[in-house]
Amino acid sequence: MGRPAVNNHIRALRKQRGWTQSDLAEQLDVSRQTINAIETGKYDPSLPLAFRISLLFAARIEDIFLFQESAGQ
């Protein structure tokens, strides 16, 4: 069984607002590298961080993050 994938719309939401990764990182009190890793799917944010992202973008978590089960499940 493969690992479930969690994709997201953070890059698009960030760019709509004209924010850099550094801008977003500062607002969320995380590193720019963390934002990059989340945007590229290399890191899944903790639940508290996902809620902070949701609040910042005024969007529901499920509208930002997309859970996809791996094939064969």
N, C-alpha and C. Protein backbone atom coordinates (compact mmCIF):
# COMPACT_ATOMS: atom_id res chain seq x y z
N MET A 1 0.83 -1.18 0.00
CA MET A 1 0.00 0.00 0.00
C MET A 1 0.88 1.24 0.00
N GLY A 2 0.49 2.20 -0.82
CA GLY A 2 1.22 3.45 -0.87
C GLY A 2 0.72 4.43 0.18
N ARG A 3 1.46 5.47 0.34
CA ARG A 3 1.12 6.51 1.30
C ARG A 3 0.05 7.42 0.68
N PRO A 4 -1.00 7.75 1.43
CA PRO A 4 -2.01 8.68 0.90
C PRO A 4 -1.37 10.03 0.60
N ALA A 5 -1.85 10.68 -0.43
CA ALA A 5 -1.31 11.98 -0.83
C ALA A 5 -2.21 13.09 -0.32
N VAL A 6 -1.60 14.15 0.15
CA VAL A 6 -2.33 15.36 0.53
C VAL A 6 -1.79 16.48 -0.35
N ASN A 7 -2.60 16.87 -1.32
CA ASN A 7 -2.24 17.98 -2.19
C ASN A 7 -2.89 19.24 -1.65
N ASN A 8 -2.45 20.39 -2.16
CA ASN A 8 -3.02 21.63 -1.64
C ASN A 8 -3.01 22.74 -2.69
N HIS A 9 -3.74 23.80 -2.38
CA HIS A 9 -3.86 24.97 -3.25
C HIS A 9 -3.12 26.18 -2.66
N ILE A 10 -2.19 25.94 -1.78
CA ILE A 10 -1.55 27.05 -1.07
C ILE A 10 -0.80 27.98 -2.02
N ARG A 11 -0.06 27.43 -2.96
CA ARG A 11 0.70 28.28 -3.89
C ARG A 11 -0.25 29.22 -4.64
N ALA A 12 -1.35 28.69 -5.17
CA ALA A 12 -2.30 29.53 -5.91
C ALA A 12 -2.92 30.60 -5.01
N LEU A 13 -3.31 30.22 -3.81
CA LEU A 13 -3.91 31.18 -2.88
C LEU A 13 -2.90 32.27 -2.50
N ARG A 14 -1.67 31.85 -2.28
CA ARG A 14 -0.61 32.82 -1.92
C ARG A 14 -0.38 33.79 -3.07
N LYS A 15 -0.28 33.27 -4.29
CA LYS A 15 -0.02 34.13 -5.45
C LYS A 15 -1.18 35.07 -5.74
N GLN A 16 -2.42 34.63 -5.49
CA GLN A 16 -3.59 35.50 -5.67
C GLN A 16 -3.48 36.75 -4.80
N ARG A 17 -2.83 36.60 -3.67
CA ARG A 17 -2.68 37.72 -2.74
C ARG A 17 -1.38 38.48 -2.95
N GLY A 18 -0.56 38.03 -3.88
CA GLY A 18 0.70 38.71 -4.15
C GLY A 18 1.75 38.49 -3.09
N TRP A 19 1.62 37.40 -2.33
CA TRP A 19 2.56 37.11 -1.26
C TRP A 19 3.68 36.20 -1.76
N THR A 20 4.87 36.42 -1.23
CA THR A 20 5.98 35.50 -1.46
C THR A 20 5.88 34.38 -0.43
N GLN A 21 6.69 33.35 -0.62
CA GLN A 21 6.74 32.29 0.39
C GLN A 21 7.20 32.87 1.73
N SER A 22 8.11 33.81 1.68
CA SER A 22 8.59 34.44 2.91
C SER A 22 7.49 35.23 3.61
N ASP A 23 6.66 35.94 2.82
CA ASP A 23 5.54 36.68 3.40
C ASP A 23 4.60 35.74 4.15
N LEU A 24 4.25 34.64 3.49
CA LEU A 24 3.33 33.68 4.09
C LEU A 24 3.96 33.05 5.33
N ALA A 25 5.22 32.68 5.22
CA ALA A 25 5.92 32.06 6.35
C ALA A 25 5.91 32.98 7.56
N GLU A 26 6.16 34.26 7.33
CA GLU A 26 6.18 35.22 8.44
C GLU A 26 4.81 35.32 9.11
N GLN A 27 3.76 35.33 8.32
CA GLN A 27 2.41 35.43 8.88
C GLN A 27 2.02 34.19 9.68
N LEU A 28 2.59 33.04 9.29
CA LEU A 28 2.27 31.78 9.97
C LEU A 28 3.29 31.40 11.03
N ASP A 29 4.35 32.20 11.15
CA ASP A 29 5.43 31.95 12.10
C ASP A 29 6.10 30.60 11.86
N VAL A 30 6.40 30.34 10.57
CA VAL A 30 7.16 29.15 10.17
C VAL A 30 8.26 29.62 9.22
N SER A 31 9.13 28.71 8.83
CA SER A 31 10.20 29.08 7.91
C SER A 31 9.71 29.08 6.46
N ARG A 32 10.42 29.80 5.60
CA ARG A 32 10.11 29.78 4.18
C ARG A 32 10.26 28.38 3.63
N GLN A 33 11.24 27.64 4.15
CA GLN A 33 11.46 26.26 3.71
C GLN A 33 10.25 25.38 4.02
N THR A 34 9.58 25.64 5.14
CA THR A 34 8.37 24.89 5.48
C THR A 34 7.28 25.15 4.46
N ILE A 35 7.10 26.41 4.09
CA ILE A 35 6.09 26.75 3.08
C ILE A 35 6.42 26.07 1.76
N ASN A 36 7.68 26.11 1.37
CA ASN A 36 8.09 25.46 0.12
C ASN A 36 7.80 23.97 0.17
N ALA A 37 8.12 23.33 1.27
CA ALA A 37 7.90 21.89 1.41
C ALA A 37 6.41 21.54 1.38
N ILE A 38 5.58 22.37 1.99
CA ILE A 38 4.13 22.13 1.95
C ILE A 38 3.62 22.31 0.52
N GLU A 39 4.03 23.38 -0.13
CA GLU A 39 3.56 23.65 -1.49
C GLU A 39 3.96 22.56 -2.48
N THR A 40 5.12 21.98 -2.29
CA THR A 40 5.60 20.96 -3.22
C THR A 40 5.20 19.55 -2.81
N GLY A 41 4.46 19.42 -1.71
CA GLY A 41 3.98 18.12 -1.28
C GLY A 41 5.01 17.26 -0.58
N LYS A 42 6.12 17.85 -0.17
CA LYS A 42 7.16 17.09 0.52
C LYS A 42 6.90 17.02 2.03
N TYR A 43 5.97 17.85 2.50
CA TYR A 43 5.68 17.91 3.93
C TYR A 43 4.19 18.18 4.10
N ASP A 44 3.55 17.42 4.96
CA ASP A 44 2.15 17.66 5.31
C ASP A 44 2.13 18.46 6.61
N PRO A 45 1.42 19.58 6.63
CA PRO A 45 1.42 20.40 7.85
C PRO A 45 0.70 19.70 8.99
N SER A 46 1.07 20.08 10.19
CA SER A 46 0.36 19.59 11.37
C SER A 46 -1.07 20.13 11.32
N LEU A 47 -1.94 19.53 12.08
CA LEU A 47 -3.33 19.99 12.12
C LEU A 47 -3.43 21.44 12.61
N PRO A 48 -2.72 21.83 13.67
CA PRO A 48 -2.79 23.24 14.08
C PRO A 48 -2.31 24.19 12.98
N LEU A 49 -1.25 23.82 12.26
CA LEU A 49 -0.78 24.67 11.17
C LEU A 49 -1.79 24.71 10.04
N ALA A 50 -2.41 23.60 9.72
CA ALA A 50 -3.44 23.58 8.68
C ALA A 50 -4.59 24.51 9.06
N PHE A 51 -4.98 24.52 10.33
CA PHE A 51 -6.04 25.42 10.78
C PHE A 51 -5.60 26.88 10.66
N ARG A 52 -4.35 27.18 11.00
CA ARG A 52 -3.86 28.56 10.88
C ARG A 52 -3.85 29.00 9.42
N ILE A 53 -3.45 28.10 8.52
CA ILE A 53 -3.46 28.40 7.08
C ILE A 53 -4.89 28.67 6.63
N SER A 54 -5.81 27.83 7.07
CA SER A 54 -7.22 27.99 6.73
C SER A 54 -7.76 29.34 7.19
N LEU A 55 -7.47 29.70 8.42
CA LEU A 55 -7.93 30.99 8.94
C LEU A 55 -7.32 32.16 8.18
N LEU A 56 -6.04 32.07 7.87
CA LEU A 56 -5.37 33.15 7.17
C LEU A 56 -5.98 33.38 5.79
N PHE A 57 -6.30 32.30 5.08
CA PHE A 57 -6.88 32.42 3.75
C PHE A 57 -8.41 32.52 3.78
N ALA A 58 -9.01 32.49 4.96
CA ALA A 58 -10.47 32.55 5.12
C ALA A 58 -11.15 31.51 4.24
N ALA A 59 -10.63 30.29 4.32
CA ALA A 59 -11.17 29.17 3.53
C ALA A 59 -11.23 27.93 4.41
N ARG A 60 -12.12 27.03 4.04
CA ARG A 60 -12.22 25.77 4.79
C ARG A 60 -11.00 24.90 4.51
N ILE A 61 -10.58 24.14 5.49
CA ILE A 61 -9.42 23.25 5.32
C ILE A 61 -9.60 22.36 4.10
N GLU A 62 -10.80 21.80 3.94
CA GLU A 62 -11.03 20.88 2.82
C GLU A 62 -11.02 21.59 1.47
N ASP A 63 -11.11 22.93 1.45
CA ASP A 63 -10.99 23.68 0.20
C ASP A 63 -9.53 24.00 -0.12
N ILE A 64 -8.66 23.86 0.86
CA ILE A 64 -7.23 24.12 0.66
C ILE A 64 -6.46 22.82 0.46
N PHE A 65 -6.79 21.83 1.28
CA PHE A 65 -6.07 20.56 1.25
C PHE A 65 -6.94 19.47 0.64
N LEU A 66 -6.36 18.68 -0.25
CA LEU A 66 -7.08 17.62 -0.95
C LEU A 66 -6.46 16.29 -0.59
N PHE A 67 -7.23 15.44 0.08
CA PHE A 67 -6.75 14.12 0.47
C PHE A 67 -7.05 13.14 -0.65
N GLN A 68 -6.04 12.41 -1.09
CA GLN A 68 -6.21 11.40 -2.13
C GLN A 68 -5.61 10.10 -1.65
N GLU A 69 -6.45 9.08 -1.55
CA GLU A 69 -5.93 7.77 -1.18
C GLU A 69 -5.10 7.23 -2.33
N SER A 70 -4.08 6.46 -1.98
CA SER A 70 -3.22 5.89 -3.02
C SER A 70 -3.99 4.82 -3.79
N ALA A 71 -3.55 4.53 -4.99
CA ALA A 71 -4.19 3.52 -5.83
C ALA A 71 -4.14 2.17 -5.15
N GLY A 72 -5.17 1.37 -5.34
CA GLY A 72 -5.19 0.03 -4.77
C GLY A 72 -5.82 -0.07 -3.42
N GLN A 73 -6.31 1.04 -2.87
CA GLN A 73 -6.96 1.01 -1.56
C GLN A 73 -8.45 1.07 -1.72
